[in-house]
Protein backbone atom coordinates (compact mmCIF):
# COMPACT_ATOMS: atom_id res chain seq x y z
CA MET A 1 -106.30 -66.58 55.26
CA LEU A 2 -108.88 -66.12 52.49
CA ASN A 3 -111.73 -68.59 52.22
CA SER A 4 -112.48 -70.32 48.89
CA SER A 5 -115.05 -67.72 47.78
CA GLU A 6 -112.58 -64.90 48.40
CA GLN A 7 -109.83 -66.81 46.60
CA ILE A 8 -112.08 -67.28 43.56
CA LYS A 9 -113.06 -63.61 43.56
CA ARG A 10 -109.43 -62.52 43.70
CA ALA A 11 -108.61 -64.88 40.84
CA GLN A 12 -111.51 -63.53 38.79
CA GLU A 13 -110.29 -59.96 39.27
CA HIS A 14 -106.78 -60.97 38.24
CA LEU A 15 -108.08 -62.75 35.13
CA GLY A 16 -110.27 -59.78 34.24
CA LYS A 17 -107.25 -57.46 34.15
CA LEU A 18 -105.37 -59.92 31.94
CA LEU A 19 -108.29 -60.11 29.52
CA GLU A 20 -108.49 -56.32 29.32
CA GLY A 21 -104.81 -56.18 28.39
CA GLN A 22 -105.15 -58.84 25.72
CA LEU A 23 -108.22 -57.21 24.16
CA ALA A 24 -106.32 -53.91 23.95
CA ARG A 25 -103.39 -55.74 22.32
CA ILE A 26 -105.72 -57.18 19.68
CA GLU A 27 -106.92 -53.69 18.72
CA SER A 28 -103.30 -52.57 18.40
CA MET A 29 -102.54 -55.51 16.10
CA LYS A 30 -105.50 -54.65 13.89
CA ALA A 31 -104.29 -51.05 13.57
CA THR A 32 -100.67 -51.83 12.57
CA LYS A 33 -100.26 -54.05 9.51
CA GLU A 34 -97.93 -52.20 7.12
CA PHE A 35 -94.26 -53.25 7.11
CA VAL A 36 -91.33 -50.82 6.94
CA ASN A 37 -89.88 -50.28 3.45
CA TYR A 38 -86.13 -50.07 4.07
CA ASP A 39 -85.44 -48.81 0.55
CA GLU A 40 -87.35 -45.64 1.38
CA LEU A 41 -85.29 -44.86 4.51
CA GLU A 42 -82.53 -42.27 4.22
CA THR A 43 -80.54 -44.08 6.93
CA ILE A 44 -81.10 -47.54 8.39
CA ILE A 45 -80.16 -47.57 12.08
CA ILE A 46 -78.84 -50.91 13.35
CA GLY A 47 -78.93 -51.13 17.13
CA VAL A 48 -76.32 -53.36 18.74
CA VAL A 49 -77.17 -54.69 22.21
CA GLY A 50 -74.56 -56.85 23.95
CA GLY A 51 -76.74 -58.30 26.69
CA ASP A 52 -75.26 -60.46 29.47
CA GLY A 53 -72.54 -63.03 30.01
CA ILE A 54 -70.85 -63.92 26.73
CA GLY A 55 -73.30 -61.65 24.89
CA PRO A 56 -71.05 -58.57 24.61
CA TYR A 57 -68.16 -60.74 23.40
CA ILE A 58 -69.96 -62.50 20.57
CA THR A 59 -72.07 -59.48 19.60
CA ALA A 60 -68.94 -57.38 19.11
CA GLU A 61 -67.63 -59.98 16.64
CA ALA A 62 -70.91 -60.02 14.72
CA GLN A 63 -70.82 -56.22 14.54
CA ARG A 64 -67.28 -56.38 13.13
CA VAL A 65 -68.46 -58.75 10.39
CA LEU A 66 -71.42 -56.52 9.54
CA GLU A 67 -69.21 -53.43 9.40
CA PHE A 68 -66.84 -55.32 7.09
CA LEU A 69 -69.66 -56.23 4.70
CA LEU A 70 -71.37 -52.82 4.89
CA LYS A 71 -68.35 -50.52 4.97
CA ASP A 72 -69.36 -48.70 1.78
CA GLU A 73 -72.92 -48.23 3.07
CA VAL A 74 -71.62 -46.87 6.37
CA GLN A 75 -69.36 -44.40 4.55
CA ARG A 76 -72.27 -43.03 2.52
CA CYS A 77 -74.45 -42.90 5.68
CA LYS A 78 -77.05 -45.36 4.42
CA ILE A 79 -76.23 -47.56 7.43
CA LYS A 80 -75.56 -46.34 10.96
CA PHE A 81 -74.65 -48.52 13.95
CA LYS A 82 -75.97 -47.54 17.38
CA VAL A 83 -74.44 -49.39 20.34
CA ILE A 84 -76.89 -49.63 23.26
CA GLU A 85 -75.45 -50.37 26.68
CA GLY A 86 -77.26 -51.38 29.84
CA LEU A 87 -79.48 -54.35 28.98
CA THR A 88 -77.68 -56.38 31.66
CA ILE A 89 -79.17 -58.47 34.44
CA GLU A 90 -77.57 -56.15 37.01
CA ASN A 91 -79.19 -53.04 35.52
CA ARG A 92 -82.53 -54.76 34.93
CA ALA A 93 -82.60 -56.10 38.49
CA LYS A 94 -81.71 -52.67 39.87
CA VAL A 95 -84.77 -51.04 38.31
CA GLY A 96 -86.98 -54.12 38.61
CA LYS A 97 -87.89 -54.22 34.92
CA ALA A 98 -87.23 -56.64 32.07
CA ILE A 99 -86.17 -53.66 29.95
CA PRO A 100 -85.35 -50.35 31.66
CA GLU A 101 -87.33 -47.43 30.25
CA ASP A 102 -84.27 -45.57 28.95
CA ILE A 103 -83.04 -48.69 27.13
CA LEU A 104 -86.48 -49.26 25.60
CA GLU A 105 -86.50 -45.70 24.25
CA GLU A 106 -83.09 -46.27 22.66
CA LEU A 107 -84.30 -49.52 21.09
CA LYS A 108 -87.27 -47.70 19.56
CA GLN A 109 -84.88 -45.28 17.84
CA CYS A 110 -83.51 -48.18 15.77
CA HIS A 111 -84.99 -49.90 12.73
CA VAL A 112 -83.34 -53.26 13.33
CA ILE A 113 -81.53 -54.65 16.37
CA LEU A 114 -78.68 -57.14 16.72
CA LYS A 115 -78.99 -58.53 20.23
CA GLY A 116 -76.77 -60.73 22.37
CA PRO A 117 -78.22 -63.25 24.86
CA THR A 118 -79.68 -61.99 28.15
CA THR A 119 -80.08 -63.75 31.49
CA THR A 120 -83.58 -64.69 32.66
CA PRO A 121 -83.72 -65.27 36.45
CA ARG A 122 -84.77 -68.70 37.71
CA ALA A 123 -85.86 -69.91 41.12
CA GLY A 124 -82.81 -69.92 43.37
CA ASP A 125 -80.96 -67.23 41.42
CA PRO A 126 -79.81 -64.11 43.30
CA TRP A 127 -81.93 -61.92 41.03
CA PRO A 128 -85.57 -60.80 41.42
CA ASN A 129 -88.20 -62.63 39.37
CA ILE A 130 -88.29 -60.18 36.47
CA GLU A 131 -89.66 -61.09 33.06
CA SER A 132 -87.39 -62.34 30.29
CA ALA A 133 -85.89 -59.41 28.37
CA ASN A 134 -86.49 -61.35 25.16
CA VAL A 135 -90.16 -61.87 25.90
CA ALA A 136 -90.55 -58.23 26.95
CA MET A 137 -88.83 -56.95 23.81
CA ARG A 138 -91.02 -59.11 21.59
CA LYS A 139 -94.12 -57.74 23.29
CA GLU A 140 -93.00 -54.08 23.48
CA LEU A 141 -91.90 -53.99 19.82
CA ASP A 142 -94.58 -56.48 18.66
CA LEU A 143 -92.02 -58.84 17.10
CA PHE A 144 -94.57 -61.49 16.26
CA ALA A 145 -92.58 -63.78 13.95
CA ASN A 146 -89.58 -65.70 15.26
CA VAL A 147 -87.88 -67.05 12.13
CA ARG A 148 -85.21 -69.73 12.55
CA PRO A 149 -83.58 -71.41 9.54
CA VAL A 150 -81.63 -74.67 9.80
CA LYS A 151 -79.63 -75.87 6.79
CA VAL A 152 -77.40 -78.93 6.50
CA PRO A 153 -76.81 -79.54 2.78
CA GLU A 154 -75.12 -82.92 3.15
CA GLU A 155 -78.15 -84.21 5.10
CA ASN A 156 -80.63 -82.68 2.63
CA ILE A 157 -82.01 -80.54 5.47
CA ASP A 158 -83.32 -77.10 4.53
CA TRP A 159 -85.85 -75.99 7.14
CA VAL A 160 -87.33 -72.63 8.09
CA PHE A 161 -89.34 -72.39 11.30
CA TYR A 162 -91.95 -69.68 11.85
CA ARG A 163 -92.56 -69.59 15.59
CA GLU A 164 -95.33 -67.34 16.90
CA ASN A 165 -93.54 -64.97 19.22
CA THR A 166 -95.97 -62.92 21.30
CA GLU A 167 -98.70 -65.32 22.39
CA GLY A 168 -99.05 -68.91 23.57
CA ALA A 169 -97.65 -70.10 26.88
CA TYR A 170 -95.14 -67.22 27.07
CA ALA A 171 -97.53 -64.29 26.64
CA LEU A 172 -98.50 -64.20 30.33
CA GLY A 173 -95.56 -66.12 31.71
CA SER A 174 -95.14 -63.77 34.68
CA ASP A 175 -98.88 -63.35 35.26
CA GLY A 176 -99.93 -66.78 36.44
CA MET A 177 -101.93 -67.18 39.65
CA ILE A 178 -101.25 -68.90 42.93
CA VAL A 179 -104.86 -69.36 43.98
CA ASN A 180 -103.95 -71.03 47.27
CA ASP A 181 -101.38 -73.48 48.61
CA ASP A 182 -102.88 -76.27 46.50
CA LEU A 183 -103.73 -74.61 43.16
CA PHE A 184 -101.50 -72.79 40.68
CA LEU A 185 -102.49 -71.57 37.21
CA ASP A 186 -100.64 -70.34 34.15
CA PHE A 187 -102.25 -69.22 30.89
CA THR A 188 -101.96 -69.89 27.17
CA VAL A 189 -103.13 -67.08 24.89
CA ALA A 190 -104.15 -67.32 21.24
CA THR A 191 -105.82 -64.62 19.16
CA TYR A 192 -107.23 -64.67 15.64
CA GLU A 193 -105.01 -61.75 14.55
CA GLY A 194 -101.88 -63.19 16.14
CA SER A 195 -102.37 -66.68 14.74
CA ARG A 196 -103.33 -65.52 11.26
CA ARG A 197 -100.36 -63.19 10.77
CA ILE A 198 -97.72 -65.79 11.70
CA ILE A 199 -99.37 -68.50 9.58
CA LYS A 200 -99.70 -66.11 6.64
CA ALA A 201 -96.03 -65.15 7.00
CA ALA A 202 -95.06 -68.84 6.76
CA PHE A 203 -97.20 -69.43 3.67
CA GLU A 204 -95.89 -66.24 2.09
CA HIS A 205 -92.30 -67.37 2.62
CA ALA A 206 -93.04 -70.83 1.25
CA SER A 207 -94.62 -69.27 -1.82
CA LYS A 208 -91.91 -66.69 -2.54
CA SER A 209 -88.91 -68.88 -1.68
CA GLY A 210 -90.03 -71.77 -3.85
CA ALA A 211 -90.20 -74.16 -0.90
CA ASN A 212 -93.95 -74.57 -1.56
CA LYS A 213 -94.55 -76.69 1.52
CA VAL A 214 -95.85 -75.64 4.95
CA THR A 215 -96.24 -77.89 7.97
CA VAL A 216 -98.47 -76.65 10.79
CA VAL A 217 -97.47 -78.04 14.20
CA THR A 218 -99.92 -78.09 17.14
CA LYS A 219 -101.39 -80.37 19.79
CA ALA A 220 -104.91 -79.62 18.62
CA ASN A 221 -106.16 -83.11 19.49
CA VAL A 222 -105.70 -82.29 23.20
CA ILE A 223 -105.31 -78.50 23.49
CA LYS A 224 -108.57 -78.04 21.67
CA THR A 225 -109.30 -74.33 22.11
CA THR A 226 -106.07 -72.42 21.45
CA ASP A 227 -104.28 -75.03 19.32
CA GLY A 228 -107.58 -75.96 17.71
CA LYS A 229 -108.13 -72.37 16.56
CA PHE A 230 -104.52 -72.14 15.34
CA LEU A 231 -105.12 -75.16 13.10
CA GLU A 232 -108.51 -73.87 11.97
CA ILE A 233 -106.99 -70.53 10.97
CA ALA A 234 -104.24 -72.39 9.09
CA ARG A 235 -106.92 -74.05 6.98
CA GLU A 236 -108.34 -70.61 6.16
CA VAL A 237 -104.95 -69.19 5.18
CA ALA A 238 -104.09 -72.27 3.09
CA GLU A 239 -107.07 -71.53 0.84
CA GLU A 240 -105.34 -68.28 -0.17
CA TYR A 241 -102.27 -70.25 -1.35
CA PRO A 242 -103.66 -73.14 -3.41
CA HIS A 243 -100.26 -73.68 -5.04
CA VAL A 244 -98.56 -74.29 -1.65
CA GLU A 245 -98.78 -77.84 -0.30
CA TRP A 246 -99.48 -78.07 3.42
CA ASP A 247 -100.03 -80.62 6.16
CA ASP A 248 -100.26 -80.67 9.95
CA TRP A 249 -98.49 -82.68 12.63
CA TYR A 250 -98.73 -82.91 16.40
CA ILE A 251 -95.76 -81.61 18.33
CA ASP A 252 -94.93 -84.88 20.10
CA ILE A 253 -94.57 -86.94 16.91
CA MET A 254 -92.95 -83.99 15.13
CA THR A 255 -90.00 -84.11 17.52
CA ALA A 256 -89.52 -87.75 16.49
CA LYS A 257 -89.90 -87.13 12.76
CA LEU A 258 -87.13 -84.53 12.71
CA ILE A 259 -84.68 -87.35 13.41
CA ASP A 260 -86.36 -89.75 10.95
CA THR A 261 -83.95 -89.86 8.01
CA ASN A 262 -86.70 -91.07 5.69
CA ARG A 263 -89.07 -88.24 6.56
CA ARG A 264 -87.15 -85.15 7.68
CA SER A 265 -86.04 -83.94 4.23
CA GLN A 266 -89.73 -83.61 3.28
CA PHE A 267 -90.25 -80.77 5.77
CA LYS A 268 -89.62 -77.28 4.42
CA VAL A 269 -91.42 -74.45 6.24
CA MET A 270 -92.90 -75.11 9.67
CA VAL A 271 -95.22 -72.81 11.62
CA LEU A 272 -95.88 -73.32 15.32
CA PRO A 273 -97.29 -71.70 18.46
CA ASN A 274 -94.72 -70.13 20.77
CA LEU A 275 -93.74 -72.93 23.17
CA TYR A 276 -93.62 -75.68 20.55
CA GLY A 277 -91.49 -73.46 18.33
CA ASP A 278 -89.00 -72.84 21.11
CA ILE A 279 -88.58 -76.56 21.77
CA LEU A 280 -88.52 -77.79 18.18
CA THR A 281 -86.05 -75.19 16.91
CA ASP A 282 -83.54 -76.08 19.62
CA GLU A 283 -83.80 -79.73 18.55
CA ALA A 284 -83.45 -78.75 14.90
CA ALA A 285 -80.35 -76.64 15.59
CA GLU A 286 -78.51 -79.75 16.79
CA PHE A 287 -78.37 -81.02 13.20
CA GLN A 288 -76.48 -77.89 12.22
CA GLY A 289 -73.98 -78.20 15.07
CA GLY A 290 -75.98 -77.05 18.10
CA VAL A 291 -77.73 -73.92 19.29
CA GLY A 292 -74.40 -72.11 19.14
CA THR A 293 -74.55 -72.23 15.34
CA ALA A 294 -78.15 -71.13 14.72
CA GLY A 295 -79.41 -67.59 14.29
CA SER A 296 -82.85 -66.20 14.89
CA ALA A 297 -84.96 -63.34 13.51
CA ASN A 298 -87.79 -61.64 15.38
CA ILE A 299 -89.89 -59.72 12.88
CA GLY A 300 -92.62 -57.15 13.37
CA THR A 301 -94.19 -54.53 11.15
CA ARG A 302 -92.16 -51.61 12.56
CA TYR A 303 -89.14 -53.26 14.19
CA ALA A 304 -87.02 -56.37 13.79
CA MET A 305 -84.53 -57.98 16.17
CA PHE A 306 -81.89 -60.60 15.34
CA GLU A 307 -80.20 -62.76 17.95
CA ALA A 308 -78.36 -65.93 18.87
CA ILE A 309 -80.72 -68.66 20.07
CA HIS A 310 -78.54 -69.80 22.97
CA GLY A 311 -78.20 -68.43 26.49
CA SER A 312 -75.73 -66.05 28.11
CA ALA A 313 -73.42 -68.78 29.50
CA PRO A 314 -72.38 -66.89 32.68
CA ARG A 315 -70.18 -69.82 33.69
CA MET A 316 -67.87 -69.09 30.77
CA VAL A 317 -67.42 -65.55 32.04
CA ASP A 318 -66.89 -66.72 35.64
CA GLU A 319 -64.21 -69.14 34.43
CA GLY A 320 -62.47 -66.53 32.28
CA ARG A 321 -63.40 -68.24 28.99
CA ALA A 322 -65.75 -65.66 27.45
CA GLN A 323 -63.31 -64.80 24.66
CA TYR A 324 -63.58 -68.42 23.47
CA ALA A 325 -67.37 -68.30 23.04
CA ASP A 326 -68.59 -69.27 19.59
CA PRO A 327 -69.99 -66.23 17.72
CA SER A 328 -71.44 -68.36 14.87
CA SER A 329 -75.05 -68.12 16.05
CA ILE A 330 -75.18 -64.36 16.27
CA ILE A 331 -73.18 -63.98 13.04
CA ARG A 332 -75.82 -66.14 11.34
CA ALA A 333 -78.40 -63.82 12.87
CA ALA A 334 -76.45 -60.90 11.38
CA GLY A 335 -76.82 -62.57 7.99
CA MET A 336 -80.57 -62.73 8.51
CA LEU A 337 -80.51 -59.03 9.40
CA LEU A 338 -78.73 -58.27 6.12
CA GLU A 339 -81.32 -60.16 4.12
CA HIS A 340 -84.18 -58.49 5.99
CA ILE A 341 -83.01 -54.96 5.16
CA GLY A 342 -82.38 -55.82 1.52
CA TYR A 343 -78.70 -56.76 1.32
CA THR A 344 -79.39 -60.23 -0.05
CA GLU A 345 -76.11 -60.69 -1.88
CA GLU A 346 -74.08 -59.88 1.24
CA ALA A 347 -76.31 -62.21 3.27
CA LYS A 348 -75.79 -65.04 0.80
CA LYS A 349 -72.00 -64.61 0.89
CA LEU A 350 -71.99 -64.56 4.69
CA SER A 351 -74.03 -67.77 4.80
CA MET A 352 -71.53 -69.42 2.44
CA ALA A 353 -68.57 -68.25 4.52
CA LEU A 354 -70.16 -69.59 7.71
CA ASP A 355 -70.75 -72.96 6.05
CA ILE A 356 -67.18 -73.12 4.78
CA CYS A 357 -65.60 -72.07 8.08
CA GLY A 358 -67.95 -73.90 10.46
CA GLN A 359 -69.08 -77.04 8.61
CA PHE A 360 -66.76 -77.81 5.70
CA GLU A 361 -63.19 -76.48 5.86
CA LYS A 362 -62.92 -76.06 9.64
CA ARG A 363 -59.43 -74.56 9.56
CA LEU A 364 -60.16 -73.03 12.96
CA VAL A 365 -62.30 -74.81 15.53
CA ILE A 366 -64.18 -73.24 18.44
CA THR A 367 -64.14 -75.41 21.57
CA GLY A 368 -65.15 -72.87 24.20
CA ARG A 369 -61.71 -73.25 25.81
CA ASP A 370 -58.12 -72.23 25.21
CA ASN A 371 -57.48 -75.36 23.14
CA GLY A 372 -59.60 -73.78 20.38
CA ALA A 373 -59.92 -70.48 18.55
CA THR A 374 -61.20 -67.30 20.16
CA GLY A 375 -64.36 -65.68 18.88
CA GLY A 376 -62.25 -62.88 17.43
CA GLU A 377 -60.01 -65.31 15.55
CA PHE A 378 -63.06 -67.08 14.15
CA ALA A 379 -64.58 -63.78 13.01
CA ASP A 380 -61.28 -62.94 11.29
CA TYR A 381 -61.41 -66.35 9.58
CA ILE A 382 -64.92 -65.59 8.30
CA MET A 383 -63.90 -62.17 6.97
CA GLU A 384 -60.82 -63.65 5.31
CA THR A 385 -63.07 -66.23 3.62
CA LEU A 386 -65.52 -63.53 2.56
CA ASN A 387 -62.66 -61.62 0.97
CA SER A 388 -61.49 -64.55 -1.17
CA ASP A 389 -62.18 -64.40 -4.91
CA ASP A 390 -63.21 -68.06 -5.07
CA LEU A 391 -65.83 -67.98 -2.27
CA VAL A 392 -68.70 -69.27 -4.43
CA ASP A 393 -66.58 -71.93 -6.16
CA LYS A 394 -65.21 -73.11 -2.83
CA TRP A 395 -68.71 -73.36 -1.33
CA ASN A 396 -70.05 -75.24 -4.37
CA SER A 397 -67.14 -77.70 -4.20
CA TYR A 398 -68.34 -78.92 -0.80
CA LEU A 399 -71.90 -79.65 -1.95
């Protein structure tokens, strides 16, 4: 057994390697700042990754909806779909990697990715302790901005969350240290480049969308170094957008204020470090009908990935109910994908159809069981609604 001096030395060596990796990542961020211009691409390749559990079921329905909306673009070869198999827990466990090398190479051949949920092993699971595929994909493709909108018109809720996606408590989630039987350490990472780019993205969205309000969420009164710098950088960025109102809140009280009917409609665009963003967006999704109804975008300069924000629900597969899984979340993500690559009109129509089918009209209801609609039936319902001549009038009538 190592003595305390040896334990400290081993920990120092481990930390040194982590610091080297982070410093190299910073240089990479500095070198890559230009975003892809999709208008200039001859063909936009949309990768479709089913993932685990219910993932392949719901992702297939989202792909059907996208193909319906983009059929003319597919025919003229402006859009190409590339189905990528193998990002399953079984395959990942077999090779001992969050993303197998061959799958990663296929992902890098795409411009944007529509991704189903993937399983992340926990203590007690039969799988090895491999890193989350989501976290790995965000790091490998540098998808630094996790964008999650939540909109409930009848509650006057219209929020967009900008969650930092590659740093914070998740950046080194598999690289913590067990110093000895009594001491265990994990790490939170913040960088100037990483913080600035996510905060700037939030202010840019607030400025261009007309929201004109940004709320910065931290725990800077206690987590003084990393959260403190995040807030300090927000003050710097805010000076570049004098026309955009901004304020800051601590994460603990922010979770309360989202359910404060007198306050919550005042929030517009929120920007948060990684962990806080994960927690707060799940809470926010409940107002819209739960995490099964909310989509998520993961944006980088070169790549972008769009996904459902819920898990892979393996129990539904084990119980033979996967076909009844709600595809709303990943179809909303597909709408975000459309907007990202420039098909804003199609994205707007899809958002309207999802509101009509899922929140207003509710002619078919997903229950997750055979007493409700299947995912395929619900996707058909959405496409039928999209095809109606009075889509806009119908949506406006519910507001």
